[in-house]
Amino acid sequence: MELTTVWFVLIAILWTGYLVLEGFDFGVGMLIPIIGRDDAERRVVINTIGPVWDGNEVWLLTAGGATFAAFPEWYATLFSGFYLPLLLILVALIVRAVAFEYRGKINSPAWRARWDAGIGLGSWLPSILWGVAFANIVRGVAINADHQYTGGFWALLNLYALLGGLTTLLLFLTHGAVFLALKTDGTVRARAGALAAKLSIATLVVAGGFAVWTQVAYSVTWTWAVVAVAALALLGVVVATSRRREGWAFALSALAILAAVVLIFGSLYPDVMPSTTDPAFSLTVTNASSTHYTLTVMTWVAVVLTPVVLAYQAWTYWVFRKRISTADIPAHTGLTFERSRERA
């Protein structure tokens, strides 16, 4: 297999890791005011992701860095053409990170409410815009012979892309609700489980429509199998959440996100960014890649370091595997994540 194809697959794997792990982070962030009816319950919700949310974001940094190093032409066209939506995502992620860290610094309901809104903004906006961005990449955008994006911001807000944004939004909401039901106990668990059961039905309908549209309009024959896997996984989430089988529901929702990534990247290959201006102007794994020497060095670095990173992150999740409830939340002391870390 050519190294260009290897790195195309590896970037797809990195995006899978990011969307599966950060997906439930986003879902939890969006659900804070819905699941948490008082400050103690909201702190339970936040503490479910307190020890892991920043580690999950590393997958995005790695995916972006790998794209820059392996496919610099793709990186340049993507980040220049999608400048505004990607800037909005970046700002939202910064606001979200600051909100997590500052929420518990002052013992004031108004102070915490403002930072809760920041967490919400930093979760809702990327959840929608990532879907819009990936849908546009699959659909193709206006790229000229110099590999420059010639469309505008509003051209990105087409019907297919908006459906893609709604799909990722619902996938992350369901994934987050299932994660909360898996990681909490008591009232919060019951409320999250009931909401996950409702969200899973809407997700099945919307994501199913997006997958079929993608398959019919932009994909290839073999990805019908991926669409079938995604549909069965989402149907399984509906059944598992209705029976309150949180472990199965979480695994199946993660499988559905994995299938979505495979469908997206499978629909693209060998392109990495199709051109609607002229297919000859499309960026491919060949004309957008770095030199063979660069890809070889990157491959050896990945072989050595990737197992270490995966082992560390797996250990982190194992350490913080226990459920939490309002009984584990002490009176407010100005700390948010630190208590959960000590308890775990």
C-alpha atoms as a PDB file:
ATOM      1  CA  MET A   1       0.000   0.000   0.000  1.00  0.00           C
ATOM      2  CA  GLU A   2       1.279   3.462  -0.891  1.00  0.00           C
ATOM      3  CA  LEU A   3       2.250   5.683   2.044  1.00  0.00           C
ATOM      4  CA  THR A   4      -0.165   8.342   0.781  1.00  0.00           C
ATOM      5  CA  THR A   5      -3.023   5.874   1.243  1.00  0.00           C
ATOM      6  CA  VAL A   6      -1.660   4.779   4.628  1.00  0.00           C
ATOM      7  CA  TRP A   7      -1.717   8.365   5.867  1.00  0.00           C
ATOM      8  CA  PHE A   8      -5.156   8.982   4.421  1.00  0.00           C
ATOM      9  CA  VAL A   9      -6.366   6.030   6.506  1.00  0.00           C
ATOM     10  CA  LEU A  10      -4.422   7.166   9.581  1.00  0.00           C
ATOM     11  CA  ILE A  11      -5.963  10.642   9.384  1.00  0.00           C
ATOM     12  CA  ALA A  12      -9.381   9.012   9.166  1.00  0.00           C
ATOM     13  CA  ILE A  13      -8.525   7.025  12.308  1.00  0.00           C
ATOM     14  CA  LEU A  14      -7.455  10.192  14.120  1.00  0.00           C
ATOM     15  CA  TRP A  15     -10.727  11.884  13.204  1.00  0.00           C
ATOM     16  CA  THR A  16     -12.601   8.823  14.418  1.00  0.00           C
ATOM     17  CA  GLY A  17     -10.851   9.035  17.778  1.00  0.00           C
ATOM     18  CA  TYR A  18     -11.611  12.734  18.038  1.00  0.00           C
ATOM     19  CA  LEU A  19     -15.278  12.522  17.065  1.00  0.00           C
ATOM     20  CA  VAL A  20     -15.986   9.491  19.271  1.00  0.00           C
ATOM     21  CA  LEU A  21     -14.261  10.892  22.355  1.00  0.00           C
ATOM     22  CA  GLU A  22     -14.889  14.597  21.926  1.00  0.00           C
ATOM     23  CA  GLY A  23     -18.357  13.712  20.652  1.00  0.00           C
ATOM     24  CA  PHE A  24     -19.578  12.700  24.095  1.00  0.00           C
ATOM     25  CA  ASP A  25     -17.722  15.700  25.560  1.00  0.00           C
ATOM     26  CA  PHE A  26     -19.723  17.985  23.316  1.00  0.00           C
ATOM     27  CA  GLY A  27     -22.908  16.110  24.136  1.00  0.00           C
ATOM     28  CA  VAL A  28     -22.300  16.463  27.869  1.00  0.00           C
ATOM     29  CA  GLY A  29     -21.531  20.176  27.474  1.00  0.00           C
ATOM     30  CA  MET A  30     -24.763  20.764  25.578  1.00  0.00           C
ATOM     31  CA  LEU A  31     -26.796  18.831  28.145  1.00  0.00           C
ATOM     32  CA  ILE A  32     -25.550  20.607  31.292  1.00  0.00           C
ATOM     33  CA  PRO A  33     -28.630  22.876  31.709  1.00  0.00           C
ATOM     34  CA  ILE A  34     -31.002  20.138  30.513  1.00  0.00           C
ATOM     35  CA  ILE A  35     -29.841  17.288  32.744  1.00  0.00           C
ATOM     36  CA  GLY A  36     -28.581  19.385  35.651  1.00  0.00           C
ATOM     37  CA  ARG A  37     -31.522  21.012  37.429  1.00  0.00           C
ATOM     38  CA  ASP A  38     -29.439  22.504  40.266  1.00  0.00           C
ATOM     39  CA  ASP A  39     -25.776  23.278  40.867  1.00  0.00           C
ATOM     40  CA  ALA A  40     -24.989  19.909  42.449  1.00  0.00           C
ATOM     41  CA  GLU A  41     -26.424  18.039  39.460  1.00  0.00           C
ATOM     42  CA  ARG A  42     -24.635  20.315  37.019  1.00  0.00           C
ATOM     43  CA  ARG A  43     -21.384  19.632  38.833  1.00  0.00           C
ATOM     44  CA  VAL A  44     -22.045  15.899  38.525  1.00  0.00           C
ATOM     45  CA  VAL A  45     -22.535  16.345  34.779  1.00  0.00           C
ATOM     46  CA  ILE A  46     -19.333  18.352  34.395  1.00  0.00           C
ATOM     47  CA  ASN A  47     -17.288  16.000  36.557  1.00  0.00           C
ATOM     48  CA  THR A  48     -18.081  13.052  34.290  1.00  0.00           C
ATOM     49  CA  ILE A  49     -15.764  14.590  31.694  1.00  0.00           C
ATOM     50  CA  GLY A  50     -13.585  16.666  34.017  1.00  0.00           C
ATOM     51  CA  PRO A  51     -10.541  14.355  33.964  1.00  0.00           C
ATOM     52  CA  VAL A  52     -10.671  13.524  30.237  1.00  0.00           C
ATOM     53  CA  TRP A  53     -12.030  16.388  28.127  1.00  0.00           C
ATOM     54  CA  ASP A  54      -8.668  18.071  27.531  1.00  0.00           C
ATOM     55  CA  GLY A  55      -7.028  14.764  26.613  1.00  0.00           C
ATOM     56  CA  ASN A  56      -9.790  14.106  24.098  1.00  0.00           C
ATOM     57  CA  GLU A  57      -8.995  17.371  22.315  1.00  0.00           C
ATOM     58  CA  VAL A  58      -5.458  16.144  21.637  1.00  0.00           C
ATOM     59  CA  TRP A  59      -6.929  13.959  18.890  1.00  0.00           C
ATOM     60  CA  LEU A  60      -7.948  17.116  17.012  1.00  0.00           C
ATOM     61  CA  LEU A  61      -4.478  18.620  17.323  1.00  0.00           C
ATOM     62  CA  THR A  62      -2.932  15.380  16.090  1.00  0.00           C
ATOM     63  CA  ALA A  63      -5.352  15.106  13.170  1.00  0.00           C
ATOM     64  CA  GLY A  64      -4.631  18.695  12.149  1.00  0.00           C
ATOM     65  CA  GLY A  65      -0.880  18.243  12.523  1.00  0.00           C
ATOM     66  CA  ALA A  66      -0.922  14.985  10.549  1.00  0.00           C
ATOM     67  CA  THR A  67      -2.905  16.639   7.757  1.00  0.00           C
ATOM     68  CA  PHE A  68      -0.435  19.544   7.631  1.00  0.00           C
ATOM     69  CA  ALA A  69       2.572  17.218   7.473  1.00  0.00           C
ATOM     70  CA  ALA A  70       1.197  14.484   5.210  1.00  0.00           C
ATOM     71  CA  PHE A  71      -1.040  16.527   2.875  1.00  0.00           C
ATOM     72  CA  PRO A  72       0.076  20.182   2.988  1.00  0.00           C
ATOM     73  CA  GLU A  73      -1.923  21.132  -0.125  1.00  0.00           C
ATOM     74  CA  TRP A  74      -5.097  19.765   1.458  1.00  0.00           C
ATOM     75  CA  TYR A  75      -4.353  21.595   4.703  1.00  0.00           C
ATOM     76  CA  ALA A  76      -3.696  24.892   2.915  1.00  0.00           C
ATOM     77  CA  THR A  77      -6.829  24.773   0.758  1.00  0.00           C
ATOM     78  CA  LEU A  78      -9.031  23.585   3.605  1.00  0.00           C
ATOM     79  CA  PHE A  79      -7.915  26.140   6.164  1.00  0.00           C
ATOM     80  CA  SER A  80      -7.924  29.052   3.743  1.00  0.00           C
ATOM     81  CA  GLY A  81     -11.264  28.162   2.157  1.00  0.00           C
ATOM     82  CA  PHE A  82     -13.015  27.238   5.401  1.00  0.00           C
ATOM     83  CA  TYR A  83     -11.339  30.024   7.357  1.00  0.00           C
ATOM     84  CA  LEU A  84     -14.462  31.526   8.962  1.00  0.00           C
ATOM     85  CA  PRO A  85     -16.173  28.302  10.124  1.00  0.00           C
ATOM     86  CA  LEU A  86     -12.881  26.889  11.394  1.00  0.00           C
ATOM     87  CA  LEU A  87     -12.180  30.173  13.209  1.00  0.00           C
ATOM     88  CA  LEU A  88     -15.613  29.968  14.839  1.00  0.00           C
ATOM     89  CA  ILE A  89     -14.849  26.416  15.954  1.00  0.00           C
ATOM     90  CA  LEU A  90     -11.487  27.498  17.369  1.00  0.00           C
ATOM     91  CA  VAL A  91     -13.015  30.408  19.293  1.00  0.00           C
ATOM     92  CA  ALA A  92     -15.770  28.137  20.609  1.00  0.00           C
ATOM     93  CA  LEU A  93     -13.213  25.569  21.811  1.00  0.00           C
ATOM     94  CA  ILE A  94     -11.180  28.278  23.540  1.00  0.00           C
ATOM     95  CA  VAL A  95     -14.274  29.662  25.293  1.00  0.00           C
ATOM     96  CA  ARG A  96     -15.236  26.133  26.327  1.00  0.00           C
ATOM     97  CA  ALA A  97     -11.796  25.366  27.747  1.00  0.00           C
ATOM     98  CA  VAL A  98     -11.683  28.624  29.712  1.00  0.00           C
ATOM     99  CA  ALA A  99     -15.214  28.013  31.006  1.00  0.00           C
ATOM    100  CA  PHE A 100     -14.295  24.574  32.337  1.00  0.00           C
ATOM    101  CA  GLU A 101     -11.324  25.988  34.210  1.00  0.00           C
ATOM    102  CA  TYR A 102     -12.958  29.173  35.556  1.00  0.00           C
ATOM    103  CA  ARG A 103     -16.447  27.920  36.436  1.00  0.00           C
ATOM    104  CA  GLY A 104     -15.578  26.945  39.983  1.00  0.00           C
ATOM    105  CA  LYS A 105     -13.221  29.811  40.814  1.00  0.00           C
ATOM    106  CA  ILE A 106     -15.877  32.009  42.474  1.00  0.00           C
ATOM    107  CA  ASN A 107     -18.733  30.720  44.629  1.00  0.00           C
ATOM    108  CA  SER A 108     -21.464  32.687  42.866  1.00  0.00           C
ATOM    109  CA  PRO A 109     -24.524  31.324  40.997  1.00  0.00           C
ATOM    110  CA  ALA A 110     -24.346  34.170  38.465  1.00  0.00           C
ATOM    111  CA  TRP A 111     -20.648  33.507  37.842  1.00  0.00           C
ATOM    112  CA  ARG A 112     -21.234  29.780  37.312  1.00  0.00           C
ATOM    113  CA  ALA A 113     -24.238  30.425  35.058  1.00  0.00           C
ATOM    114  CA  ARG A 114     -22.135  32.589  32.738  1.00  0.00           C
ATOM    115  CA  TRP A 115     -19.444  29.929  32.410  1.00  0.00           C
ATOM    116  CA  ASP A 116     -22.076  27.224  31.935  1.00  0.00           C
ATOM    117  CA  ALA A 117     -23.316  29.267  28.979  1.00  0.00           C
ATOM    118  CA  GLY A 118     -19.730  29.367  27.691  1.00  0.00           C
ATOM    119  CA  ILE A 119     -19.475  25.575  27.926  1.00  0.00           C
ATOM    120  CA  GLY A 120     -22.778  25.313  26.080  1.00  0.00           C
ATOM    121  CA  LEU A 121     -21.686  27.688  23.303  1.00  0.00           C
ATOM    122  CA  GLY A 122     -18.366  25.884  22.986  1.00  0.00           C
ATOM    123  CA  SER A 123     -20.187  22.583  22.594  1.00  0.00           C
ATOM    124  CA  TRP A 124     -23.172  23.472  20.391  1.00  0.00           C
ATOM    125  CA  LEU A 125     -21.242  25.426  17.775  1.00  0.00           C
ATOM    126  CA  PRO A 126     -18.534  22.832  16.953  1.00  0.00           C
ATOM    127  CA  SER A 127     -21.114  20.033  17.029  1.00  0.00           C
ATOM    128  CA  ILE A 128     -22.943  21.695  14.148  1.00  0.00           C
ATOM    129  CA  LEU A 129     -20.007  23.156  12.232  1.00  0.00           C
ATOM    130  CA  TRP A 130     -17.962  19.939  12.092  1.00  0.00           C
ATOM    131  CA  GLY A 131     -20.850  18.263  10.319  1.00  0.00           C
ATOM    132  CA  VAL A 132     -21.239  21.206   7.948  1.00  0.00           C
ATOM    133  CA  ALA A 133     -17.504  21.157   7.146  1.00  0.00           C
ATOM    134  CA  PHE A 134     -17.263  17.416   6.488  1.00  0.00           C
ATOM    135  CA  ALA A 135     -20.440  17.418   4.402  1.00  0.00           C
ATOM    136  CA  ASN A 136     -19.020  20.174   2.199  1.00  0.00           C
ATOM    137  CA  ILE A 137     -15.769  18.266   1.749  1.00  0.00           C
ATOM    138  CA  VAL A 138     -17.689  15.187   0.601  1.00  0.00           C
ATOM    139  CA  ARG A 139     -20.006  17.221  -1.649  1.00  0.00           C
ATOM    140  CA  GLY A 140     -17.106  19.139  -3.140  1.00  0.00           C
ATOM    141  CA  VAL A 141     -16.376  22.857  -3.175  1.00  0.00           C
ATOM    142  CA  ALA A 142     -15.317  25.402  -5.759  1.00  0.00           C
ATOM    143  CA  ILE A 143     -11.559  24.944  -6.227  1.00  0.00           C
ATOM    144  CA  ASN A 144      -9.647  26.449  -9.149  1.00  0.00           C
ATOM    145  CA  ALA A 145      -6.579  25.203 -11.002  1.00  0.00           C
ATOM    146  CA  ASP A 146      -4.308  26.735  -8.352  1.00  0.00           C
ATOM    147  CA  HIS A 147      -6.084  24.722  -5.639  1.00  0.00           C
ATOM    148  CA  GLN A 148      -7.631  27.861  -4.186  1.00  0.00           C
ATOM    149  CA  TYR A 149     -11.173  27.877  -2.813  1.00  0.00           C
ATOM    150  CA  THR A 150     -13.218  30.368  -4.845  1.00  0.00           C
ATOM    151  CA  GLY A 151     -16.598  30.074  -3.124  1.00  0.00           C
ATOM    152  CA  GLY A 152     -17.808  32.153  -0.199  1.00  0.00           C
ATOM    153  CA  PHE A 153     -18.981  31.421   3.310  1.00  0.00           C
ATOM    154  CA  TRP A 154     -22.651  31.258   2.349  1.00  0.00           C
ATOM    155  CA  ALA A 155     -21.934  28.653  -0.317  1.00  0.00           C
ATOM    156  CA  LEU A 156     -20.998  26.309   2.513  1.00  0.00           C
ATOM    157  CA  LEU A 157     -24.496  26.568   4.001  1.00  0.00           C
ATOM    158  CA  ASN A 158     -26.219  24.385   1.412  1.00  0.00           C
ATOM    159  CA  LEU A 159     -29.004  21.938   2.278  1.00  0.00           C
ATOM    160  CA  TYR A 160     -26.779  18.858   2.275  1.00  0.00           C
ATOM    161  CA  ALA A 161     -24.202  20.510   4.544  1.00  0.00           C
ATOM    162  CA  LEU A 162     -26.880  21.752   6.958  1.00  0.00           C
ATOM    163  CA  LEU A 163     -28.254  18.211   7.181  1.00  0.00           C
ATOM    164  CA  GLY A 164     -24.716  17.069   7.926  1.00  0.00           C
ATOM    165  CA  GLY A 165     -24.511  19.623  10.744  1.00  0.00           C
ATOM    166  CA  LEU A 166     -27.835  18.441  12.193  1.00  0.00           C
ATOM    167  CA  THR A 167     -26.601  14.856  11.968  1.00  0.00           C
ATOM    168  CA  THR A 168     -23.426  15.459  13.964  1.00  0.00           C
ATOM    169  CA  LEU A 169     -25.382  17.554  16.453  1.00  0.00           C
ATOM    170  CA  LEU A 170     -27.842  14.733  17.151  1.00  0.00           C
ATOM    171  CA  LEU A 171     -25.114  12.077  17.143  1.00  0.00           C
ATOM    172  CA  PHE A 172     -23.164  13.989  19.793  1.00  0.00           C
ATOM    173  CA  LEU A 173     -26.250  14.765  21.878  1.00  0.00           C
ATOM    174  CA  THR A 174     -27.206  11.085  21.928  1.00  0.00           C
ATOM    175  CA  HIS A 175     -23.609   9.997  22.558  1.00  0.00           C
ATOM    176  CA  GLY A 176     -23.337  12.479  25.434  1.00  0.00           C
ATOM    177  CA  ALA A 177     -26.654  11.473  27.004  1.00  0.00           C
ATOM    178  CA  VAL A 178     -25.667   7.799  26.863  1.00  0.00           C
ATOM    179  CA  PHE A 179     -22.274   8.624  28.383  1.00  0.00           C
ATOM    180  CA  LEU A 180     -23.955  10.495  31.235  1.00  0.00           C
ATOM    181  CA  ALA A 181     -26.258   7.551  31.904  1.00  0.00           C
ATOM    182  CA  LEU A 182     -23.192   5.295  31.906  1.00  0.00           C
ATOM    183  CA  LYS A 183     -21.115   7.483  34.232  1.00  0.00           C
ATOM    184  CA  THR A 184     -23.662   8.744  36.761  1.00  0.00           C
ATOM    185  CA  ASP A 185     -26.106   7.347  39.271  1.00  0.00           C
ATOM    186  CA  GLY A 186     -29.366   8.388  40.861  1.00  0.00           C
ATOM    187  CA  THR A 187     -31.571  11.099  39.407  1.00  0.00           C
ATOM    188  CA  VAL A 188     -29.014  12.294  36.894  1.00  0.00           C
ATOM    189  CA  ARG A 189     -28.636   8.794  35.482  1.00  0.00           C
ATOM    190  CA  ALA A 190     -32.383   8.293  35.173  1.00  0.00           C
ATOM    191  CA  ARG A 191     -32.878  11.659  33.490  1.00  0.00           C
ATOM    192  CA  ALA A 192     -29.983  11.113  31.066  1.00  0.00           C
ATOM    193  CA  GLY A 193     -31.182   7.614  30.189  1.00  0.00           C
ATOM    194  CA  ALA A 194     -34.709   8.802  29.447  1.00  0.00           C
ATOM    195  CA  LEU A 195     -33.416  11.644  27.275  1.00  0.00           C
ATOM    196  CA  ALA A 196     -31.023   9.316  25.429  1.00  0.00           C
ATOM    197  CA  ALA A 197     -33.932   7.044  24.523  1.00  0.00           C
ATOM    198  CA  LYS A 198     -35.779   9.973  22.927  1.00  0.00           C
ATOM    199  CA  LEU A 199     -32.744  11.443  21.204  1.00  0.00           C
ATOM    200  CA  SER A 200     -31.737   8.101  19.704  1.00  0.00           C
ATOM    201  CA  ILE A 201     -34.942   7.926  17.653  1.00  0.00           C
ATOM    202  CA  ALA A 202     -34.437  11.399  16.169  1.00  0.00           C
ATOM    203  CA  THR A 203     -30.789  10.563  15.496  1.00  0.00           C
ATOM    204  CA  LEU A 204     -31.718   7.353  13.670  1.00  0.00           C
ATOM    205  CA  VAL A 205     -34.072   9.251  11.343  1.00  0.00           C
ATOM    206  CA  VAL A 206     -31.831  12.248  10.602  1.00  0.00           C
ATOM    207  CA  ALA A 207     -28.513  10.387  10.399  1.00  0.00           C
ATOM    208  CA  GLY A 208     -30.150   7.690   8.286  1.00  0.00           C
ATOM    209  CA  GLY A 209     -31.346  10.303   5.811  1.00  0.00           C
ATOM    210  CA  PHE A 210     -27.915  11.915   5.642  1.00  0.00           C
ATOM    211  CA  ALA A 211     -26.179   8.557   5.144  1.00  0.00           C
ATOM    212  CA  VAL A 212     -28.504   7.533   2.309  1.00  0.00           C
ATOM    213  CA  TRP A 213     -28.118  10.931   0.601  1.00  0.00           C
ATOM    214  CA  THR A 214     -24.328  10.651   0.903  1.00  0.00           C
ATOM    215  CA  GLN A 215     -24.331   7.118  -0.465  1.00  0.00           C
ATOM    216  CA  VAL A 216     -26.612   7.830  -3.422  1.00  0.00           C
ATOM    217  CA  ALA A 217     -25.106  11.150  -4.458  1.00  0.00           C
ATOM    218  CA  TYR A 218     -21.417  11.005  -3.578  1.00  0.00           C
ATOM    219  CA  SER A 219     -20.242   7.549  -2.569  1.00  0.00           C
ATOM    220  CA  VAL A 220     -19.207   4.206  -4.085  1.00  0.00           C
ATOM    221  CA  THR A 221     -20.727   0.738  -4.075  1.00  0.00           C
ATOM    222  CA  TRP A 222     -18.804  -0.825  -1.168  1.00  0.00           C
ATOM    223  CA  THR A 223     -19.875   1.898   1.288  1.00  0.00           C
ATOM    224  CA  TRP A 224     -23.458   0.584   1.191  1.00  0.00           C
ATOM    225  CA  ALA A 225     -22.138  -1.907   3.751  1.00  0.00           C
ATOM    226  CA  VAL A 226     -21.003   1.005   5.916  1.00  0.00           C
ATOM    227  CA  VAL A 227     -24.455   2.602   5.675  1.00  0.00           C
ATOM    228  CA  ALA A 228     -25.981  -0.702   6.789  1.00  0.00           C
ATOM    229  CA  VAL A 229     -23.601  -0.916   9.767  1.00  0.00           C
ATOM    230  CA  ALA A 230     -24.442   2.645  10.783  1.00  0.00           C
ATOM    231  CA  ALA A 231     -28.170   1.976  10.532  1.00  0.00           C
ATOM    232  CA  LEU A 232     -27.940  -1.213  12.583  1.00  0.00           C
ATOM    233  CA  ALA A 233     -25.765   0.524  15.179  1.00  0.00           C
ATOM    234  CA  LEU A 234     -28.234   3.390  15.581  1.00  0.00           C
ATOM    235  CA  LEU A 235     -31.146   0.968  15.724  1.00  0.00           C
ATOM    236  CA  GLY A 236     -29.230  -0.869  18.434  1.00  0.00           C
ATOM    237  CA  VAL A 237     -28.824   2.406  20.339  1.00  0.00           C
ATOM    238  CA  VAL A 238     -32.608   2.897  20.216  1.00  0.00           C
ATOM    239  CA  VAL A 239     -33.186  -0.592  21.628  1.00  0.00           C
ATOM    240  CA  ALA A 240     -30.381  -0.392  24.209  1.00  0.00           C
ATOM    241  CA  THR A 241     -31.435   3.006  25.551  1.00  0.00           C
ATOM    242  CA  SER A 242     -35.074   1.907  25.818  1.00  0.00           C
ATOM    243  CA  ARG A 243     -33.886  -0.998  27.984  1.00  0.00           C
ATOM    244  CA  ARG A 244     -31.372   1.160  29.910  1.00  0.00           C
ATOM    245  CA  ARG A 245     -28.383  -0.881  28.746  1.00  0.00           C
ATOM    246  CA  GLU A 246     -25.946   2.020  28.903  1.00  0.00           C
ATOM    247  CA  GLY A 247     -22.790   0.051  28.101  1.00  0.00           C
ATOM    248  CA  TRP A 248     -24.218  -1.427  24.914  1.00  0.00           C
ATOM    249  CA  ALA A 249     -25.758   1.900  23.941  1.00  0.00           C
ATOM    250  CA  PHE A 250     -22.435   3.724  24.312  1.00  0.00           C
ATOM    251  CA  ALA A 251     -20.525   1.103  22.314  1.00  0.00           C
ATOM    252  CA  LEU A 252     -23.122   1.186  19.536  1.00  0.00           C
ATOM    253  CA  SER A 253     -23.245   4.986  19.369  1.00  0.00           C
ATOM    254  CA  ALA A 254     -19.439   4.980  19.087  1.00  0.00           C
ATOM    255  CA  LEU A 255     -19.760   2.403  16.291  1.00  0.00           C
ATOM    256  CA  ALA A 256     -22.249   4.664  14.497  1.00  0.00           C
ATOM    257  CA  ILE A 257     -19.782   7.578  14.619  1.00  0.00           C
ATOM    258  CA  LEU A 258     -17.019   5.268  13.368  1.00  0.00           C
ATOM    259  CA  ALA A 259     -19.239   4.204  10.473  1.00  0.00           C
ATOM    260  CA  ALA A 260     -19.954   7.865   9.661  1.00  0.00           C
ATOM    261  CA  VAL A 261     -16.234   8.618   9.410  1.00  0.00           C
ATOM    262  CA  VAL A 262     -15.638   5.559   7.220  1.00  0.00           C
ATOM    263  CA  LEU A 263     -18.511   6.654   4.963  1.00  0.00           C
ATOM    264  CA  ILE A 264     -17.081  10.175   4.655  1.00  0.00           C
ATOM    265  CA  PHE A 265     -13.499   9.135   3.935  1.00  0.00           C
ATOM    266  CA  GLY A 266     -14.581   6.189   1.817  1.00  0.00           C
ATOM    267  CA  SER A 267     -16.687   8.527  -0.293  1.00  0.00           C
ATOM    268  CA  LEU A 268     -13.722  10.864  -0.777  1.00  0.00           C
ATOM    269  CA  TYR A 269     -10.921   8.466  -1.729  1.00  0.00           C
ATOM    270  CA  PRO A 270      -8.762   8.973  -3.747  1.00  0.00           C
ATOM    271  CA  ASP A 271      -9.758  12.633  -3.459  1.00  0.00           C
ATOM    272  CA  VAL A 272      -9.171  14.546  -0.272  1.00  0.00           C
ATOM    273  CA  MET A 273     -11.045  17.635  -1.443  1.00  0.00           C
ATOM    274  CA  PRO A 274     -13.128  17.337  -4.632  1.00  0.00           C
ATOM    275  CA  SER A 275     -13.592  20.359  -6.889  1.00  0.00           C
ATOM    276  CA  THR A 276     -17.030  21.284  -8.203  1.00  0.00           C
ATOM    277  CA  THR A 277     -15.435  23.702 -10.678  1.00  0.00           C
ATOM    278  CA  ASP A 278     -13.651  20.956 -12.599  1.00  0.00           C
ATOM    279  CA  PRO A 279     -12.837  17.397 -11.391  1.00  0.00           C
ATOM    280  CA  ALA A 280      -9.321  17.913 -12.772  1.00  0.00           C
ATOM    281  CA  PHE A 281      -8.773  20.608 -10.125  1.00  0.00           C
ATOM    282  CA  SER A 282      -9.571  18.231  -7.224  1.00  0.00           C
ATOM    283  CA  LEU A 283      -7.015  17.574  -4.517  1.00  0.00           C
ATOM    284  CA  THR A 284      -6.106  13.899  -4.283  1.00  0.00           C
ATOM    285  CA  VAL A 285      -3.916  11.751  -2.045  1.00  0.00           C
ATOM    286  CA  THR A 286      -1.279  12.047  -4.774  1.00  0.00           C
ATOM    287  CA  ASN A 287      -1.186  15.718  -5.733  1.00  0.00           C
ATOM    288  CA  ALA A 288      -1.776  16.994  -2.178  1.00  0.00           C
ATOM    289  CA  SER A 289       0.797  14.846  -0.369  1.00  0.00           C
ATOM    290  CA  SER A 290       4.250  15.484   1.025  1.00  0.00           C
ATOM    291  CA  THR A 291       7.359  13.763  -0.295  1.00  0.00           C
ATOM    292  CA  HIS A 292       7.906  10.038   0.179  1.00  0.00           C
ATOM    293  CA  TYR A 293      10.766  10.743   2.612  1.00  0.00           C
ATOM    294  CA  THR A 294       8.530  12.913   4.809  1.00  0.00           C
ATOM    295  CA  LEU A 295       5.812  10.275   4.903  1.00  0.00           C
ATOM    296  CA  THR A 296       8.374   7.589   5.762  1.00  0.00           C
ATOM    297  CA  VAL A 297       9.729   9.552   8.735  1.00  0.00           C
ATOM    298  CA  MET A 298       6.183  10.298   9.915  1.00  0.00           C
ATOM    299  CA  THR A 299       5.284   6.618   9.691  1.00  0.00           C
ATOM    300  CA  TRP A 300       8.147   5.541  11.943  1.00  0.00           C
ATOM    301  CA  VAL A 301       7.314   8.263  14.470  1.00  0.00           C
ATOM    302  CA  ALA A 302       3.672   7.125  14.498  1.00  0.00           C
ATOM    303  CA  VAL A 303       4.645   3.480  14.946  1.00  0.00           C
ATOM    304  CA  VAL A 304       6.762   4.322  18.009  1.00  0.00           C
ATOM    305  CA  LEU A 305       4.611   6.947  19.747  1.00  0.00           C
ATOM    306  CA  THR A 306       1.016   5.974  18.988  1.00  0.00           C
ATOM    307  CA  PRO A 307       0.926   2.895  21.285  1.00  0.00           C
ATOM    308  CA  VAL A 308       2.279   5.029  24.142  1.00  0.00           C
ATOM    309  CA  VAL A 309      -0.415   7.670  23.695  1.00  0.00           C
ATOM    310  CA  LEU A 310      -3.183   5.067  23.412  1.00  0.00           C
ATOM    311  CA  ALA A 311      -1.959   3.229  26.514  1.00  0.00           C
ATOM    312  CA  TYR A 312      -1.858   6.443  28.540  1.00  0.00           C
ATOM    313  CA  GLN A 313      -5.349   7.490  27.498  1.00  0.00           C
ATOM    314  CA  ALA A 314      -6.736   4.013  28.170  1.00  0.00           C
ATOM    315  CA  TRP A 315      -5.176   4.133  31.637  1.00  0.00           C
ATOM    316  CA  THR A 316      -6.802   7.515  32.267  1.00  0.00           C
ATOM    317  CA  TYR A 317     -10.257   6.173  31.444  1.00  0.00           C
ATOM    318  CA  TRP A 318      -9.650   3.129  33.635  1.00  0.00           C
ATOM    319  CA  VAL A 319      -8.658   5.266  36.625  1.00  0.00           C
ATOM    320  CA  PHE A 320     -11.779   7.450  36.302  1.00  0.00           C
ATOM    321  CA  ARG A 321     -14.191   4.640  35.471  1.00  0.00           C
ATOM    322  CA  LYS A 322     -16.507   4.889  38.505  1.00  0.00           C
ATOM    323  CA  ARG A 323     -20.007   6.347  38.459  1.00  0.00           C
ATOM    324  CA  ILE A 324     -20.691   9.545  40.365  1.00  0.00           C
ATOM    325  CA  SER A 325     -23.826  11.084  41.836  1.00  0.00           C
ATOM    326  CA  THR A 326     -24.808  14.139  43.847  1.00  0.00           C
ATOM    327  CA  ALA A 327     -23.777  12.230  46.987  1.00  0.00           C
ATOM    328  CA  ASP A 328     -20.165  12.504  45.779  1.00  0.00           C
ATOM    329  CA  ILE A 329     -20.360  16.285  45.337  1.00  0.00           C
ATOM    330  CA  PRO A 330     -19.276  18.229  48.447  1.00  0.00           C
ATOM    331  CA  ALA A 331     -20.441  21.731  49.299  1.00  0.00           C
ATOM    332  CA  HIS A 332     -19.022  24.230  46.848  1.00  0.00           C
ATOM    333  CA  THR A 333     -15.417  25.070  47.723  1.00  0.00           C
ATOM    334  CA  GLY A 334     -14.263  26.858  44.606  1.00  0.00           C
ATOM    335  CA  LEU A 335     -13.139  23.545  43.060  1.00  0.00           C
ATOM    336  CA  THR A 336     -14.750  21.825  40.109  1.00  0.00           C
ATOM    337  CA  PHE A 337     -12.641  18.966  38.757  1.00  0.00           C
ATOM    338  CA  GLU A 338     -10.224  18.533  41.619  1.00  0.00           C
ATOM    339  CA  ARG A 339     -12.702  16.737  43.867  1.00  0.00           C
ATOM    340  CA  SER A 340     -13.568  14.219  41.210  1.00  0.00           C
ATOM    341  CA  ARG A 341      -9.916  13.540  40.638  1.00  0.00           C
ATOM    342  CA  GLU A 342      -9.242  12.970  44.321  1.00  0.00           C
ATOM    343  CA  ARG A 343     -12.293  10.734  44.667  1.00  0.00           C
ATOM    344  CA  ALA A 344     -11.370   8.626  41.664  1.00  0.00           C
END
